[in-house]
C-alpha atoms as a PDB file:
ATOM      1  CA  MET A   1      67.087 102.157 106.357  1.00  0.00           C
ATOM      2  CA  ALA A   2      67.570 104.195 103.185  1.00  0.00           C
ATOM      3  CA  ASP A   3      68.688 107.189 105.275  1.00  0.00           C
ATOM      4  CA  LYS A   4      71.372 105.091 106.980  1.00  0.00           C
ATOM      5  CA  LYS A   5      72.644 103.898 103.595  1.00  0.00           C
ATOM      6  CA  ASN A   6      72.714 107.472 102.286  1.00  0.00           C
ATOM      7  CA  LYS A   7      74.634 108.666 105.353  1.00  0.00           C
ATOM      8  CA  GLY A   8      77.075 105.756 104.986  1.00  0.00           C
ATOM      9  CA  GLY A   9      77.584 106.611 101.311  1.00  0.00           C
ATOM     10  CA  ILE A  10      78.183 110.288 102.108  1.00  0.00           C
ATOM     11  CA  GLY A  11      80.645 109.350 104.872  1.00  0.00           C
ATOM     12  CA  ALA A  12      82.568 107.035 102.527  1.00  0.00           C
ATOM     13  CA  ALA A  13      82.666 109.739  99.845  1.00  0.00           C
ATOM     14  CA  ILE A  14      84.025 112.286 102.342  1.00  0.00           C
ATOM     15  CA  VAL A  15      86.738 109.865 103.500  1.00  0.00           C
ATOM     16  CA  MET A  16      87.683 109.060  99.884  1.00  0.00           C
ATOM     17  CA  PHE A  17      87.827 112.759  99.014  1.00  0.00           C
ATOM     18  CA  ALA A  18      90.021 113.454 102.069  1.00  0.00           C
ATOM     19  CA  VAL A  19      92.423 110.618 101.165  1.00  0.00           C
ATOM     20  CA  LEU A  20      92.703 111.799  97.546  1.00  0.00           C
ATOM     21  CA  GLY A  21      93.224 115.391  98.723  1.00  0.00           C
ATOM     22  CA  ALA A  22      95.969 114.302 101.129  1.00  0.00           C
ATOM     23  CA  MET A  23      97.701 112.343  98.346  1.00  0.00           C
ATOM     24  CA  ALA A  24      97.518 115.362  96.019  1.00  0.00           C
ATOM     25  CA  VAL A  25      99.008 117.626  98.711  1.00  0.00           C
ATOM     26  CA  TRP A  26     101.729 115.033  99.458  1.00  0.00           C
ATOM     27  CA  THR A  27     102.616 114.943  95.748  1.00  0.00           C
ATOM     28  CA  LEU A  28     103.024 118.724  95.427  1.00  0.00           C
ATOM     29  CA  ILE A  29     104.055 120.101  98.836  1.00  0.00           C
ATOM     30  CA  SER A  30     107.682 121.103  99.391  1.00  0.00           C
ATOM     31  CA  PRO A  31     109.891 120.006 102.311  1.00  0.00           C
ATOM     32  CA  GLU A  32     110.658 123.677 103.039  1.00  0.00           C
ATOM     33  CA  PHE A  33     106.970 124.441 103.558  1.00  0.00           C
ATOM     34  CA  LEU A  34     106.562 121.555 105.992  1.00  0.00           C
ATOM     35  CA  MET A  35     109.752 122.490 107.850  1.00  0.00           C
ATOM     36  CA  ASN A  36     108.457 126.047 108.244  1.00  0.00           C
ATOM     37  CA  SER A  37     105.110 124.662 109.458  1.00  0.00           C
ATOM     38  CA  LEU A  38     106.844 122.505 112.075  1.00  0.00           C
ATOM     39  CA  GLN A  39     108.964 125.431 113.267  1.00  0.00           C
ATOM     40  CA  ALA A  40     105.893 127.699 113.463  1.00  0.00           C
ATOM     41  CA  GLU A  41     104.045 124.994 115.400  1.00  0.00           C
ATOM     42  CA  ARG A  42     106.919 124.802 117.882  1.00  0.00           C
ATOM     43  CA  ALA A  43     106.896 128.586 118.223  1.00  0.00           C
ATOM     44  CA  PHE A  44     103.166 128.478 119.040  1.00  0.00           C
ATOM     45  CA  ALA A  45     103.819 125.777 121.657  1.00  0.00           C
ATOM     46  CA  VAL A  46     106.624 127.811 123.265  1.00  0.00           C
ATOM     47  CA  GLN A  47     104.415 130.926 123.427  1.00  0.00           C
ATOM     48  CA  MET A  48     101.626 129.003 125.090  1.00  0.00           C
ATOM     49  CA  GLY A  49     103.379 126.463 127.323  1.00  0.00           C
ATOM     50  CA  GLY A  50     107.004 127.530 127.526  1.00  0.00           C
ATOM     51  CA  VAL A  51     110.269 125.964 126.373  1.00  0.00           C
ATOM     52  CA  ALA A  52     109.969 122.937 128.685  1.00  0.00           C
ATOM     53  CA  SER A  53     106.647 121.863 127.159  1.00  0.00           C
ATOM     54  CA  ASP A  54     108.000 122.246 123.621  1.00  0.00           C
ATOM     55  CA  ARG A  55     111.079 120.226 124.551  1.00  0.00           C
ATOM     56  CA  TRP A  56     108.964 117.381 125.934  1.00  0.00           C
ATOM     57  CA  ILE A  57     106.608 117.385 122.929  1.00  0.00           C
ATOM     58  CA  TYR A  58     109.453 117.535 120.401  1.00  0.00           C
ATOM     59  CA  THR A  59     111.425 114.760 122.142  1.00  0.00           C
ATOM     60  CA  GLN A  60     108.376 112.491 122.088  1.00  0.00           C
ATOM     61  CA  SER A  61     107.747 113.393 118.451  1.00  0.00           C
ATOM     62  CA  ILE A  62     111.312 112.565 117.389  1.00  0.00           C
ATOM     63  CA  SER A  63     111.318 109.256 119.255  1.00  0.00           C
ATOM     64  CA  ALA A  64     107.973 108.335 117.635  1.00  0.00           C
ATOM     65  CA  SER A  65     109.301 109.121 114.137  1.00  0.00           C
ATOM     66  CA  MET A  66     112.601 107.190 114.373  1.00  0.00           C
ATOM     67  CA  ASP A  67     111.276 104.358 112.192  1.00  0.00           C
ATOM     68  CA  ILE A  68     110.119 106.880 109.570  1.00  0.00           C
ATOM     69  CA  ILE A  69     113.585 108.492 109.620  1.00  0.00           C
ATOM     70  CA  LYS A  70     115.209 105.081 108.984  1.00  0.00           C
ATOM     71  CA  ASP A  71     112.739 104.267 106.192  1.00  0.00           C
ATOM     72  CA  SER A  72     113.247 107.716 104.632  1.00  0.00           C
ATOM     73  CA  THR A  73     117.045 107.254 104.673  1.00  0.00           C
ATOM     74  CA  SER A  74     116.693 103.843 102.995  1.00  0.00           C
ATOM     75  CA  ALA A  75     114.269 105.270 100.417  1.00  0.00           C
ATOM     76  CA  ILE A  76     116.657 108.129  99.593  1.00  0.00           C
ATOM     77  CA  LYS A  77     119.523 105.669  99.058  1.00  0.00           C
ATOM     78  CA  GLU A  78     117.377 103.558  96.739  1.00  0.00           C
ATOM     79  CA  THR A  79     116.581 106.585  94.528  1.00  0.00           C
ATOM     80  CA  GLU A  80     120.237 107.069  93.547  1.00  0.00           C
ATOM     81  CA  VAL A  81     119.756 104.875  90.457  1.00  0.00           C
ATOM     82  CA  LEU A  82     116.831 106.941  89.126  1.00  0.00           C
ATOM     83  CA  PRO A  83     117.115 109.709  86.500  1.00  0.00           C
ATOM     84  CA  ALA A  84     118.030 113.102  88.000  1.00  0.00           C
ATOM     85  CA  MET A  85     114.577 114.686  87.813  1.00  0.00           C
ATOM     86  CA  MET A  86     112.794 111.610  89.210  1.00  0.00           C
ATOM     87  CA  LYS A  87     115.501 111.168  91.835  1.00  0.00           C
ATOM     88  CA  ASN A  88     115.059 114.705  93.182  1.00  0.00           C
ATOM     89  CA  TRP A  89     111.282 114.356  93.352  1.00  0.00           C
ATOM     90  CA  SER A  90     111.477 110.935  95.055  1.00  0.00           C
ATOM     91  CA  GLN A  91     113.978 112.186  97.623  1.00  0.00           C
ATOM     92  CA  GLU A  92     111.803 115.197  98.350  1.00  0.00           C
ATOM     93  CA  ARG A  93     108.755 112.913  98.847  1.00  0.00           C
ATOM     94  CA  ALA A  94     110.735 110.828 101.368  1.00  0.00           C
ATOM     95  CA  ILE A  95     111.636 114.002 103.299  1.00  0.00           C
ATOM     96  CA  VAL A  96     108.042 115.295 103.018  1.00  0.00           C
ATOM     97  CA  THR A  97     106.750 112.007 104.447  1.00  0.00           C
ATOM     98  CA  TRP A  98     109.063 112.287 107.444  1.00  0.00           C
ATOM     99  CA  LEU A  99     108.311 115.996 108.068  1.00  0.00           C
ATOM    100  CA  TRP A 100     104.552 115.561 107.750  1.00  0.00           C
ATOM    101  CA  TYR A 101     104.634 112.572 110.095  1.00  0.00           C
ATOM    102  CA  SER A 102     106.746 114.634 112.523  1.00  0.00           C
ATOM    103  CA  LEU A 103     104.162 117.437 112.407  1.00  0.00           C
ATOM    104  CA  ILE A 104     101.359 114.954 113.079  1.00  0.00           C
ATOM    105  CA  THR A 105     103.184 113.334 116.012  1.00  0.00           C
ATOM    106  CA  TYR A 106     104.111 116.771 117.384  1.00  0.00           C
ATOM    107  CA  ARG A 107     100.448 117.819 117.456  1.00  0.00           C
ATOM    108  CA  ALA A 108      99.346 114.455 118.865  1.00  0.00           C
ATOM    109  CA  ASN A 109     101.864 114.751 121.708  1.00  0.00           C
ATOM    110  CA  MET A 110     100.798 118.355 122.312  1.00  0.00           C
ATOM    111  CA  LEU A 111      97.221 117.136 122.659  1.00  0.00           C
ATOM    112  CA  LEU A 112      98.401 114.415 125.048  1.00  0.00           C
ATOM    113  CA  LEU A 113     100.315 116.939 127.187  1.00  0.00           C
ATOM    114  CA  TYR A 114      97.344 119.278 127.498  1.00  0.00           C
ATOM    115  CA  PHE A 115      95.069 116.324 128.195  1.00  0.00           C
ATOM    116  CA  PHE A 116      97.221 115.440 131.232  1.00  0.00           C
ATOM    117  CA  ILE A 117      97.229 119.085 132.343  1.00  0.00           C
ATOM    118  CA  LEU A 118      93.449 119.499 131.947  1.00  0.00           C
ATOM    119  CA  PHE A 119      92.522 115.967 133.082  1.00  0.00           C
ATOM    120  CA  PRO A 120      91.384 117.133 136.556  1.00  0.00           C
ATOM    121  CA  PHE A 121      89.056 119.665 134.892  1.00  0.00           C
ATOM    122  CA  VAL A 122      87.592 117.026 132.560  1.00  0.00           C
ATOM    123  CA  ILE A 123      87.024 114.589 135.443  1.00  0.00           C
ATOM    124  CA  ALA A 124      85.509 117.305 137.669  1.00  0.00           C
ATOM    125  CA  ILE A 125      83.084 118.580 135.047  1.00  0.00           C
ATOM    126  CA  THR A 126      82.120 115.031 134.001  1.00  0.00           C
ATOM    127  CA  LEU A 127      81.398 114.038 137.604  1.00  0.00           C
ATOM    128  CA  ASP A 128      79.407 117.248 138.045  1.00  0.00           C
ATOM    129  CA  GLY A 129      77.302 116.328 135.010  1.00  0.00           C
ATOM    130  CA  TRP A 130      76.678 112.883 136.492  1.00  0.00           C
ATOM    131  CA  GLY A 131      75.771 114.526 139.816  1.00  0.00           C
ATOM    132  CA  VAL A 132      73.251 116.812 138.105  1.00  0.00           C
ATOM    133  CA  ARG A 133      71.637 113.756 136.512  1.00  0.00           C
ATOM    134  CA  GLU A 134      71.508 111.898 139.846  1.00  0.00           C
ATOM    135  CA  ILE A 135      69.853 114.902 141.524  1.00  0.00           C
ATOM    136  CA  SER A 136      67.323 115.145 138.694  1.00  0.00           C
ATOM    137  CA  MET A 137      66.395 111.471 139.296  1.00  0.00           C
ATOM    138  CA  HIS A 138      64.661 112.602 142.515  1.00  0.00           C
ATOM    139  CA  ARG A 139      62.891 115.599 141.012  1.00  0.00           C
ATOM    140  CA  PHE A 140      59.726 115.939 139.000  1.00  0.00           C
ATOM    141  CA  SER A 141      61.573 117.249 135.979  1.00  0.00           C
ATOM    142  CA  SER A 142      62.353 115.797 132.600  1.00  0.00           C
ATOM    143  CA  GLN A 143      65.712 115.654 130.915  1.00  0.00           C
ATOM    144  CA  SER A 144      66.195 117.545 127.662  1.00  0.00           C
ATOM    145  CA  PRO A 145      66.805 115.195 124.724  1.00  0.00           C
ATOM    146  CA  ILE A 146      67.777 118.247 122.632  1.00  0.00           C
ATOM    147  CA  LYS A 147      70.561 119.189 125.068  1.00  0.00           C
ATOM    148  CA  HIS A 148      71.609 115.536 125.293  1.00  0.00           C
ATOM    149  CA  ARG A 149      71.863 115.424 121.509  1.00  0.00           C
ATOM    150  CA  MET A 150      73.745 118.743 121.519  1.00  0.00           C
ATOM    151  CA  GLY A 151      76.373 117.233 123.845  1.00  0.00           C
ATOM    152  CA  VAL A 152      76.848 114.309 121.476  1.00  0.00           C
ATOM    153  CA  VAL A 153      77.099 116.651 118.460  1.00  0.00           C
ATOM    154  CA  ILE A 154      79.686 118.888 120.200  1.00  0.00           C
ATOM    155  CA  SER A 155      81.746 115.836 121.171  1.00  0.00           C
ATOM    156  CA  ASN A 156      81.676 114.331 117.664  1.00  0.00           C
ATOM    157  CA  THR A 157      82.389 117.678 115.996  1.00  0.00           C
ATOM    158  CA  THR A 158      85.337 118.276 118.328  1.00  0.00           C
ATOM    159  CA  LEU A 159      86.815 114.832 117.597  1.00  0.00           C
ATOM    160  CA  ILE A 160      86.477 115.358 113.830  1.00  0.00           C
ATOM    161  CA  GLY A 161      87.977 118.852 114.138  1.00  0.00           C
ATOM    162  CA  VAL A 162      90.937 117.498 116.137  1.00  0.00           C
ATOM    163  CA  ALA A 163      91.552 114.779 113.529  1.00  0.00           C
ATOM    164  CA  ILE A 164      91.586 117.425 110.778  1.00  0.00           C
ATOM    165  CA  TRP A 165      93.823 119.748 112.835  1.00  0.00           C
ATOM    166  CA  ILE A 166      96.358 116.971 113.471  1.00  0.00           C
ATOM    167  CA  ALA A 167      96.621 116.119 109.760  1.00  0.00           C
ATOM    168  CA  LEU A 168      96.709 119.607 108.176  1.00  0.00           C
ATOM    169  CA  PRO A 169     100.201 120.458 106.883  1.00  0.00           C
ATOM    170  CA  PHE A 170     100.180 124.196 107.630  1.00  0.00           C
ATOM    171  CA  PRO A 171     100.721 125.916 110.998  1.00  0.00           C
ATOM    172  CA  ILE A 172      97.716 126.402 113.272  1.00  0.00           C
ATOM    173  CA  PRO A 173      97.910 128.073 116.718  1.00  0.00           C
ATOM    174  CA  ALA A 174      98.424 125.537 119.514  1.00  0.00           C
ATOM    175  CA  VAL A 175      95.373 126.850 121.378  1.00  0.00           C
ATOM    176  CA  VAL A 176      93.388 124.213 119.455  1.00  0.00           C
ATOM    177  CA  ALA A 177      94.658 121.455 121.792  1.00  0.00           C
ATOM    178  CA  PRO A 178      93.429 122.846 125.152  1.00  0.00           C
ATOM    179  CA  LEU A 179      90.230 124.203 123.587  1.00  0.00           C
ATOM    180  CA  ALA A 180      89.429 120.748 122.188  1.00  0.00           C
ATOM    181  CA  ILE A 181      89.896 119.120 125.600  1.00  0.00           C
ATOM    182  CA  ILE A 182      87.739 121.785 127.286  1.00  0.00           C
ATOM    183  CA  ALA A 183      85.063 121.244 124.600  1.00  0.00           C
ATOM    184  CA  ILE A 184      85.118 117.477 125.269  1.00  0.00           C
ATOM    185  CA  GLY A 185      84.705 118.156 129.001  1.00  0.00           C
ATOM    186  CA  PHE A 186      81.817 120.566 128.382  1.00  0.00           C
ATOM    187  CA  SER A 187      80.088 118.181 125.958  1.00  0.00           C
ATOM    188  CA  SER A 188      80.450 115.355 128.520  1.00  0.00           C
ATOM    189  CA  TRP A 189      78.729 117.559 131.117  1.00  0.00           C
ATOM    190  CA  VAL A 190      75.884 118.425 128.734  1.00  0.00           C
ATOM    191  CA  TRP A 191      75.534 114.789 127.641  1.00  0.00           C
ATOM    192  CA  LEU A 192      75.552 113.319 131.157  1.00  0.00           C
ATOM    193  CA  SER A 193      73.446 115.980 132.874  1.00  0.00           C
ATOM    194  CA  ASN A 194      70.696 115.454 130.271  1.00  0.00           C
ATOM    195  CA  LEU A 195      70.903 111.670 130.124  1.00  0.00           C
ATOM    196  CA  GLN A 196      67.440 110.155 130.298  1.00  0.00           C
ATOM    197  CA  LYS A 197      66.380 108.931 133.734  1.00  0.00           C
ATOM    198  CA  ARG A 198      65.593 105.495 132.399  1.00  0.00           C
ATOM    199  CA  ILE A 199      68.020 103.846 129.996  1.00  0.00           C
END
């Protein structure tokens, strides 16, 4: 019981630290840096999937951020009454909010695109893992709880890594998206193929 409380406390501390770090970065980061990050991210996507994939991802990203664009425009208009120094900073924060959100939605849509492309692979490898488990049900062999646990750990680590990748404000090669989906497929195979015979 104490271990669960300690883990919960550590998890809450990590989340709080991440939120405070994100707020600090938001306060100091420049719109130019985020614009360069978004352009570099698009360049990575073009190199890996071609112009058509970048166009689809960017279109989805823009349509998803329309509300943020409207809110940013309203916020910029409202800052006109502020002193010059405060006005410039506030306007930059409105633009930073929009650009960072655009970067996040761009990466999320990239992940979605590669998920659709690699979906047959994920389904095939997951069904194969289930098939391995079904075959093992009729054999005198035991499933490996260590491998089962490893599948769970890989899956959780991949999901946490993807969440961090989506939120980071600097450019990261787009290969993260397909690799994450392949890792989820592999972890599903490991998890299912080593699922205990009796649940």
